[in-house]
Amino acid sequence: MADKHDRSDGGATDRRSKQSEAEAVAHQQTHDAAAFLAAIIESSEDAIISKSLQGVITTWNRGAERLFGYSAAEAVGKPITILIPEERLDEEPSILARIHAGERVDHFETIRRRKDGTFFDISLTISPIRNNDGRIIGASKIARDISDRKRAAERQDLLLREMHHRVKNLFAITGSIITLAARTAQTPSELASSMKDRLVALSQAHEMTLPSFTGDEAFQERSTTLFQLLSSLLSPYDEGERGRWRFHGEDAPISAERVTNLALLFHEYATNAVKYGSLSNAEGRLDVTLNAFDERFEISWLESGGGPSSKAETKDAGFGTRLEQMIIRSLNADVSRDWQPHGLLIKLSMPRAAFAAPAEAQGVPSP
């Protein structure tokens, strides 16, 4: 009997030993899995945070340190609201209510605050944390900085709106020019010729203000200067000769919104000079002088050596005059002409605001 009892005790001992070994293996596996998951969390580029149902931070990985600027020692035990701007504090109760209900919050885009007080765009994924009994005891948050993505989307939206604005303005300007030209043109060919010249001028002005599409300035309009604008408008008429026109005085910047009106105005002067004035022959010269005063610009357009100093009558003088008058009114400028023995002198006086960006970009006013 004793021998049988001994064998029975030995078997129980073996079973207990095997059970202990199995439990130890399971415990080690659980420990290894937990350590593995902890290593993943700690090495993640994203901020991974856990908090209690009362909104108190309980864990804080290195990604959170990099993203928010707080060390784990500074963050753990603090309310999660240290990361939330005041105007967005109402988001936290709503998030906690959804977590209490067992819901997962996917890719919630909002704004959060770093330790240094700066704000940034963020995407949050928030999930309930359950204990072994399945009871919700907290929440985990995965936070990702989406500032670059938001900026890229904003730049794209800005580009699309700028394209819409440019196309709308160009159609409005073209419509105004066609309406004026139709009132004065005597034949279809005259209308076509007049429109072609002015559309070329519009194209040149538009090209001068196109954005570069590279770098941080990709979506910003480009301004120009008066002398650069005049050089562009006059370049088709240089005929390989240099020095036919000269610019004097200090150059002045023109905002992108003002380029079109000024380009159309000086295109009229350049066209008349080429057809009837100083640029109609090789001996003619053009001198443009810009005088800048505290509140105004005065521009002198002086032609010389261009033939007779009579008031040249042109076929489209009516249209050109009306177009000039509309632009002069839009710029709040004054213009005078003096047909001198050596050529035409045009004097323009306008406020400095005529070169600057208006409150709202304007094209040629409707006729």
Protein backbone atom coordinates (compact mmCIF):
# COMPACT_ATOMS: atom_id res chain seq x y z
CA MET A 1 0.00 0.00 0.00
CA ALA A 2 2.78 2.40 0.84
CA ASP A 3 4.41 1.70 -2.47
CA LYS A 4 1.19 2.47 -4.30
CA HIS A 5 0.72 5.66 -2.34
CA ASP A 6 4.23 6.75 -3.13
CA ARG A 7 3.67 6.17 -6.86
CA SER A 8 0.45 8.22 -6.66
CA ASP A 9 2.17 11.16 -4.96
CA GLY A 10 4.96 11.00 -7.48
CA GLY A 11 2.50 11.21 -10.38
CA ALA A 12 0.78 14.23 -8.88
CA THR A 13 4.10 15.86 -8.39
CA ASP A 14 5.02 15.22 -12.01
CA ARG A 15 1.73 16.71 -13.17
CA ARG A 16 2.23 19.77 -11.01
CA SER A 17 5.76 20.15 -12.31
CA LYS A 18 4.63 19.91 -15.93
CA GLN A 19 1.79 22.38 -15.26
CA SER A 20 4.25 24.79 -13.66
CA GLU A 21 6.56 24.42 -16.62
CA ALA A 22 3.69 25.11 -19.03
CA GLU A 23 2.62 28.12 -17.04
CA ALA A 24 6.19 29.37 -16.99
CA VAL A 25 6.47 28.95 -20.75
CA ALA A 26 3.12 30.72 -21.28
CA HIS A 27 4.19 33.49 -18.92
CA GLN A 28 7.49 33.86 -20.77
CA GLN A 29 5.70 33.94 -24.12
CA THR A 30 3.30 36.56 -22.82
CA HIS A 31 6.22 38.52 -21.43
CA ASP A 32 8.12 38.23 -24.74
CA ALA A 33 5.05 39.32 -26.75
CA ALA A 34 4.48 42.27 -24.40
CA ALA A 35 8.15 43.24 -24.66
CA PHE A 36 7.96 42.91 -28.45
CA LEU A 37 4.87 45.13 -28.63
CA ALA A 38 6.47 47.61 -26.24
CA ALA A 39 9.55 47.77 -28.48
CA ILE A 40 7.35 48.42 -31.53
CA ILE A 41 5.49 51.19 -29.72
CA GLU A 42 8.67 52.77 -28.44
CA SER A 43 10.36 52.78 -31.85
CA SER A 44 7.31 54.03 -33.79
CA GLU A 45 7.63 57.33 -35.64
CA ASP A 46 4.05 58.10 -34.68
CA ALA A 47 3.11 59.38 -31.26
CA ILE A 48 1.43 56.54 -29.31
CA ILE A 49 -0.21 57.59 -26.08
CA SER A 50 -2.56 55.91 -23.62
CA LYS A 51 -4.87 57.67 -21.19
CA SER A 52 -7.34 56.76 -18.53
CA LEU A 53 -11.08 57.26 -18.87
CA GLN A 54 -10.59 60.43 -16.85
CA GLY A 55 -8.30 61.80 -19.56
CA VAL A 56 -5.02 61.37 -17.66
CA ILE A 57 -1.94 60.33 -19.66
CA THR A 58 -0.65 56.90 -18.62
CA THR A 59 1.96 56.05 -21.26
CA TRP A 60 4.03 58.18 -23.64
CA ASN A 61 6.41 56.85 -26.31
CA ARG A 62 9.41 58.49 -27.95
CA GLY A 63 7.32 59.44 -30.98
CA ALA A 64 5.13 61.48 -28.64
CA GLU A 65 8.24 63.15 -27.21
CA ARG A 66 9.39 64.14 -30.68
CA LEU A 67 5.94 65.29 -31.82
CA PHE A 68 4.78 67.22 -28.78
CA GLY A 69 8.07 68.18 -27.13
CA TYR A 70 7.25 66.80 -23.67
CA SER A 71 9.37 64.03 -22.15
CA ALA A 72 7.57 60.98 -20.74
CA ALA A 73 8.35 62.18 -17.23
CA GLU A 74 6.71 65.53 -18.00
CA ALA A 75 3.63 64.09 -19.68
CA VAL A 76 2.65 60.94 -17.76
CA GLY A 77 0.17 61.77 -15.02
CA LYS A 78 -0.86 65.05 -16.68
CA PRO A 79 -4.28 65.61 -18.25
CA ILE A 80 -4.40 65.08 -22.02
CA THR A 81 -5.79 68.60 -22.30
CA ILE A 82 -2.24 70.00 -22.05
CA LEU A 83 -2.06 69.15 -25.77
CA ILE A 84 -5.42 70.64 -26.77
CA PRO A 85 -5.89 74.32 -27.71
CA GLU A 86 -8.48 76.13 -25.59
CA GLU A 87 -10.89 76.58 -28.49
CA ARG A 88 -10.91 72.80 -29.08
CA LEU A 89 -11.34 71.57 -25.51
CA ASP A 90 -14.90 70.52 -26.32
CA GLU A 91 -13.46 67.72 -28.48
CA GLU A 92 -12.18 65.72 -25.49
CA PRO A 93 -15.55 64.99 -23.77
CA SER A 94 -16.95 63.88 -27.11
CA ILE A 95 -14.00 61.56 -27.73
CA LEU A 96 -14.21 60.09 -24.22
CA ALA A 97 -17.94 59.48 -24.64
CA ARG A 98 -17.30 57.50 -27.80
CA ILE A 99 -14.55 55.50 -26.09
CA HIS A 100 -16.90 54.72 -23.16
CA ALA A 101 -19.35 53.38 -25.74
CA GLY A 102 -16.66 51.09 -27.15
CA GLU A 103 -16.27 53.02 -30.41
CA ARG A 104 -13.06 53.53 -32.34
CA VAL A 105 -12.26 56.98 -33.71
CA ASP A 106 -10.46 56.72 -37.05
CA HIS A 107 -8.28 59.44 -38.61
CA PHE A 108 -9.80 62.36 -36.73
CA GLU A 109 -8.14 65.51 -38.11
CA THR A 110 -7.71 68.37 -35.70
CA ILE A 111 -5.15 70.80 -34.25
CA ARG A 112 -2.95 70.18 -31.23
CA ARG A 113 -0.38 72.20 -29.30
CA ARG A 114 3.26 71.46 -28.66
CA LYS A 115 5.15 72.21 -25.47
CA ASP A 116 6.56 75.40 -27.01
CA GLY A 117 3.03 76.66 -27.68
CA THR A 118 3.02 76.17 -31.46
CA PHE A 119 0.00 74.62 -33.12
CA PHE A 120 0.06 71.97 -35.84
CA ASP A 121 -2.33 69.80 -37.85
CA ILE A 122 -2.70 66.25 -36.63
CA SER A 123 -4.54 63.04 -37.46
CA LEU A 124 -5.70 60.95 -34.50
CA THR A 125 -6.79 57.31 -34.32
CA ILE A 126 -8.26 56.51 -30.89
CA SER A 127 -9.21 53.03 -29.67
CA PRO A 128 -10.63 51.68 -26.37
CA ILE A 129 -8.30 49.72 -24.07
CA ARG A 130 -9.96 46.71 -22.39
CA ASN A 131 -8.78 44.58 -19.45
CA ASN A 132 -8.88 40.77 -19.30
CA ASP A 133 -12.56 40.90 -18.43
CA GLY A 134 -13.36 43.01 -21.50
CA ARG A 135 -14.08 46.12 -19.47
CA ILE A 136 -12.94 49.42 -21.01
CA ILE A 137 -10.31 50.96 -18.78
CA GLY A 138 -8.76 53.61 -21.01
CA ALA A 139 -7.92 54.67 -24.53
CA SER A 140 -4.92 54.53 -26.82
CA LYS A 141 -4.12 57.32 -29.28
CA ILE A 142 -1.97 57.20 -32.37
CA ALA A 143 -1.12 60.74 -33.50
CA ARG A 144 0.48 61.73 -36.80
CA ASP A 145 1.64 65.17 -37.92
CA ILE A 146 -0.15 66.06 -41.18
CA SER A 147 1.02 69.68 -41.43
CA ASP A 148 2.96 69.09 -44.66
CA ARG A 149 0.01 67.33 -46.25
CA LYS A 150 -2.34 70.13 -45.21
CA ARG A 151 0.01 72.77 -46.60
CA ALA A 152 0.28 70.87 -49.89
CA ALA A 153 -3.52 70.67 -50.10
CA GLU A 154 -3.81 74.38 -49.34
CA ARG A 155 -1.24 75.22 -52.04
CA GLN A 156 -3.14 73.10 -54.53
CA ASP A 157 -6.39 74.82 -53.61
CA LEU A 158 -4.70 78.20 -53.92
CA LEU A 159 -3.39 77.30 -57.37
CA LEU A 160 -6.83 76.20 -58.55
CA ARG A 161 -8.45 79.37 -57.25
CA GLU A 162 -5.70 81.46 -58.85
CA MET A 163 -6.23 79.72 -62.19
CA HIS A 164 -9.97 80.35 -61.92
CA HIS A 165 -9.35 84.00 -61.05
CA ARG A 166 -6.93 84.49 -63.97
CA VAL A 167 -9.19 82.81 -66.53
CA LYS A 168 -12.22 84.75 -65.32
CA ASN A 169 -10.35 88.06 -65.51
CA LEU A 170 -8.93 87.33 -68.95
CA PHE A 171 -12.38 86.49 -70.31
CA ALA A 172 -13.79 89.69 -68.80
CA ILE A 173 -10.99 91.80 -70.25
CA THR A 174 -11.27 90.15 -73.67
CA GLY A 175 -15.02 90.70 -73.67
CA SER A 176 -14.56 94.40 -72.95
CA ILE A 177 -11.99 94.77 -75.74
CA ILE A 178 -14.18 92.97 -78.27
CA THR A 179 -17.16 95.17 -77.37
CA LEU A 180 -15.12 98.34 -77.85
CA ALA A 181 -13.48 97.14 -81.05
CA ALA A 182 -16.82 96.16 -82.58
CA ARG A 183 -18.11 99.72 -82.07
CA THR A 184 -15.29 101.27 -84.05
CA ALA A 185 -14.11 98.67 -86.56
CA GLN A 186 -15.23 99.29 -90.13
CA THR A 187 -14.54 95.80 -91.53
CA PRO A 188 -14.16 92.26 -90.16
CA SER A 189 -10.47 92.27 -91.12
CA GLU A 190 -9.94 95.51 -89.21
CA LEU A 191 -11.65 94.00 -86.15
CA ALA A 192 -9.54 90.83 -86.43
CA SER A 193 -6.29 92.78 -86.76
CA SER A 194 -7.11 95.03 -83.83
CA MET A 195 -8.06 92.09 -81.61
CA LYS A 196 -4.99 90.08 -82.55
CA ASP A 197 -2.59 92.84 -81.51
CA ARG A 198 -4.26 93.38 -78.18
CA LEU A 199 -4.60 89.71 -77.36
CA VAL A 200 -0.86 89.35 -77.96
CA ALA A 201 -0.31 92.16 -75.45
CA LEU A 202 -2.61 90.41 -72.97
CA SER A 203 -0.68 87.18 -73.46
CA GLN A 204 2.63 88.93 -72.78
CA ALA A 205 1.29 90.55 -69.63
CA HIS A 206 -0.20 87.26 -68.44
CA GLU A 207 3.07 85.39 -69.03
CA MET A 208 5.01 87.96 -67.03
CA THR A 209 2.93 87.25 -63.92
CA LEU A 210 2.84 83.46 -64.13
CA PRO A 211 4.15 81.72 -60.97
CA SER A 212 7.37 79.75 -61.20
CA PHE A 213 5.84 76.46 -59.98
CA THR A 214 8.94 75.62 -57.99
CA GLY A 215 9.71 75.88 -54.30
CA ASP A 216 7.70 77.70 -51.67
CA GLU A 217 6.81 80.51 -54.08
CA ALA A 218 5.08 78.16 -56.48
CA PHE A 219 1.65 79.56 -55.81
CA GLN A 220 2.44 83.21 -55.47
CA GLU A 221 1.80 85.74 -58.17
CA ARG A 222 4.92 87.43 -59.52
CA SER A 223 5.14 91.16 -59.78
CA THR A 224 7.26 93.01 -62.33
CA THR A 225 8.58 96.54 -62.80
CA LEU A 226 7.67 99.32 -65.19
CA PHE A 227 10.88 99.04 -67.18
CA GLN A 228 10.65 95.25 -67.40
CA LEU A 229 7.09 95.56 -68.64
CA LEU A 230 8.05 98.13 -71.27
CA SER A 231 11.00 96.01 -72.41
CA SER A 232 8.69 93.06 -72.91
CA LEU A 233 6.12 95.08 -74.85
CA LEU A 234 8.72 96.78 -77.04
CA SER A 235 10.92 93.74 -77.70
CA PRO A 236 9.04 92.64 -80.86
CA TYR A 237 9.95 95.98 -82.49
CA ASP A 238 13.68 96.11 -81.86
CA GLU A 239 14.49 94.61 -85.29
CA GLY A 240 17.93 93.65 -84.06
CA GLU A 241 18.79 97.24 -83.12
CA ARG A 242 19.61 98.22 -79.57
CA GLY A 243 19.20 101.63 -78.07
CA ARG A 244 16.02 102.56 -79.93
CA TRP A 245 14.42 103.16 -76.56
CA ARG A 246 15.92 104.22 -73.28
CA PHE A 247 14.56 104.28 -69.76
CA HIS A 248 15.41 107.01 -67.27
CA GLY A 249 14.84 107.42 -63.56
CA GLU A 250 14.43 104.84 -60.83
CA ASP A 251 12.43 101.76 -61.82
CA ALA A 252 9.25 101.02 -59.83
CA PRO A 253 7.61 97.66 -59.01
CA ILE A 254 4.14 96.82 -60.35
CA SER A 255 1.96 94.33 -58.52
CA ALA A 256 0.74 91.33 -60.50
CA GLU A 257 -2.85 92.58 -60.26
CA ARG A 258 -1.96 95.87 -61.98
CA VAL A 259 0.18 94.51 -64.81
CA THR A 260 -2.67 93.84 -67.24
CA ASN A 261 -4.08 97.38 -67.25
CA LEU A 262 -0.67 99.00 -67.54
CA ALA A 263 0.36 96.54 -70.26
CA LEU A 264 -2.70 97.40 -72.33
CA LEU A 265 -2.12 101.12 -71.85
CA PHE A 266 1.54 101.07 -72.92
CA HIS A 267 0.75 98.61 -75.69
CA GLU A 268 -1.46 101.32 -77.23
CA TYR A 269 1.37 103.85 -77.05
CA ALA A 270 3.93 101.38 -78.42
CA THR A 271 1.66 100.31 -81.29
CA ASN A 272 1.02 103.92 -82.35
CA ALA A 273 4.74 104.69 -82.11
CA VAL A 274 5.54 101.73 -84.38
CA LYS A 275 2.80 102.56 -86.89
CA TYR A 276 2.97 106.34 -87.01
CA GLY A 277 5.57 107.66 -84.58
CA SER A 278 9.23 107.47 -83.73
CA LEU A 279 9.52 103.70 -84.00
CA SER A 280 8.16 103.68 -87.56
CA ASN A 281 11.64 104.31 -88.97
CA ALA A 282 15.20 103.38 -88.08
CA GLU A 283 16.19 106.92 -86.99
CA GLY A 284 13.41 107.23 -84.43
CA ARG A 285 13.98 107.01 -80.71
CA LEU A 286 11.86 106.62 -77.60
CA ASP A 287 12.73 107.90 -74.13
CA VAL A 288 10.61 106.90 -71.12
CA THR A 289 11.28 108.69 -67.84
CA LEU A 290 9.81 107.77 -64.47
CA ASN A 291 9.82 110.41 -61.74
CA ALA A 292 8.73 109.17 -58.30
CA PHE A 293 7.28 111.54 -55.71
CA ASP A 294 5.87 110.93 -52.26
CA GLU A 295 2.35 110.21 -53.43
CA ARG A 296 2.53 110.04 -57.23
CA PHE A 297 4.39 108.76 -60.25
CA GLU A 298 4.96 110.93 -63.30
CA ILE A 299 5.84 109.14 -66.53
CA SER A 300 7.13 110.89 -69.64
CA TRP A 301 6.83 109.06 -73.00
CA LEU A 302 8.93 111.09 -75.45
CA GLU A 303 9.23 110.14 -79.12
CA SER A 304 11.81 111.76 -81.38
CA GLY A 305 12.96 111.43 -84.98
CA GLY A 306 9.75 109.80 -86.04
CA GLY A 307 8.60 112.04 -88.83
CA PRO A 308 5.96 114.75 -88.83
CA SER A 309 4.69 115.95 -85.50
CA SER A 310 1.05 116.08 -86.56
CA LYS A 311 -1.75 114.30 -84.76
CA ALA A 312 -1.71 111.02 -86.61
CA GLU A 313 -5.20 109.73 -87.34
CA THR A 314 -5.41 105.97 -87.20
CA LYS A 315 -8.09 103.62 -88.38
CA ASP A 316 -8.72 102.35 -84.87
CA ALA A 317 -8.15 105.65 -83.11
CA GLY A 318 -11.67 105.55 -81.71
CA PHE A 319 -11.17 102.15 -80.14
CA GLY A 320 -7.66 102.90 -78.87
CA THR A 321 -8.82 106.20 -77.40
CA ARG A 322 -11.76 104.60 -75.61
CA LEU A 323 -9.60 101.79 -74.27
CA GLU A 324 -7.02 104.30 -73.03
CA GLN A 325 -9.73 106.37 -71.35
CA MET A 326 -11.11 103.35 -69.49
CA ILE A 327 -7.66 102.34 -68.26
CA ILE A 328 -6.79 105.90 -67.26
CA ARG A 329 -9.99 106.06 -65.20
CA SER A 330 -9.28 102.71 -63.54
CA LEU A 331 -5.79 103.93 -62.57
CA ASN A 332 -7.08 107.32 -61.40
CA ALA A 333 -4.49 108.89 -63.69
CA ASP A 334 -4.19 112.07 -65.78
CA VAL A 335 -2.79 112.10 -69.32
CA SER A 336 -1.72 114.88 -71.68
CA ARG A 337 -0.26 114.94 -75.20
CA ASP A 338 2.06 117.48 -76.76
CA TRP A 339 2.95 117.15 -80.46
CA GLN A 340 6.36 118.79 -80.49
CA PRO A 341 8.52 119.49 -83.58
CA HIS A 342 10.70 116.44 -82.94
CA GLY A 343 7.89 114.08 -81.93
CA LEU A 344 5.11 113.23 -79.51
CA LEU A 345 5.33 113.76 -75.76
CA ILE A 346 2.83 111.90 -73.56
CA LYS A 347 2.76 112.75 -69.87
CA LEU A 348 1.10 110.49 -67.34
CA SER A 349 0.49 111.35 -63.70
CA MET A 350 -0.98 108.72 -61.38
CA PRO A 351 -1.02 107.85 -57.67
CA ARG A 352 1.45 105.30 -56.41
CA ALA A 353 -1.53 103.06 -55.68
CA ALA A 354 -1.90 102.60 -59.45
CA PHE A 355 1.15 100.32 -59.29
CA ALA A 356 0.18 98.57 -56.07
CA ALA A 357 -2.15 95.62 -55.42
CA PRO A 358 -5.74 96.79 -54.96
CA ALA A 359 -8.03 95.38 -52.30
CA GLU A 360 -9.50 93.18 -55.01
CA ALA A 361 -7.79 92.46 -58.33
CA GLN A 362 -9.49 94.32 -61.15
CA GLY A 363 -9.33 93.92 -64.88
CA VAL A 364 -10.35 96.42 -67.54
CA PRO A 365 -13.64 97.98 -66.42
CA SER A 366 -16.73 97.04 -68.35
CA PRO A 367 -17.53 99.43 -71.19
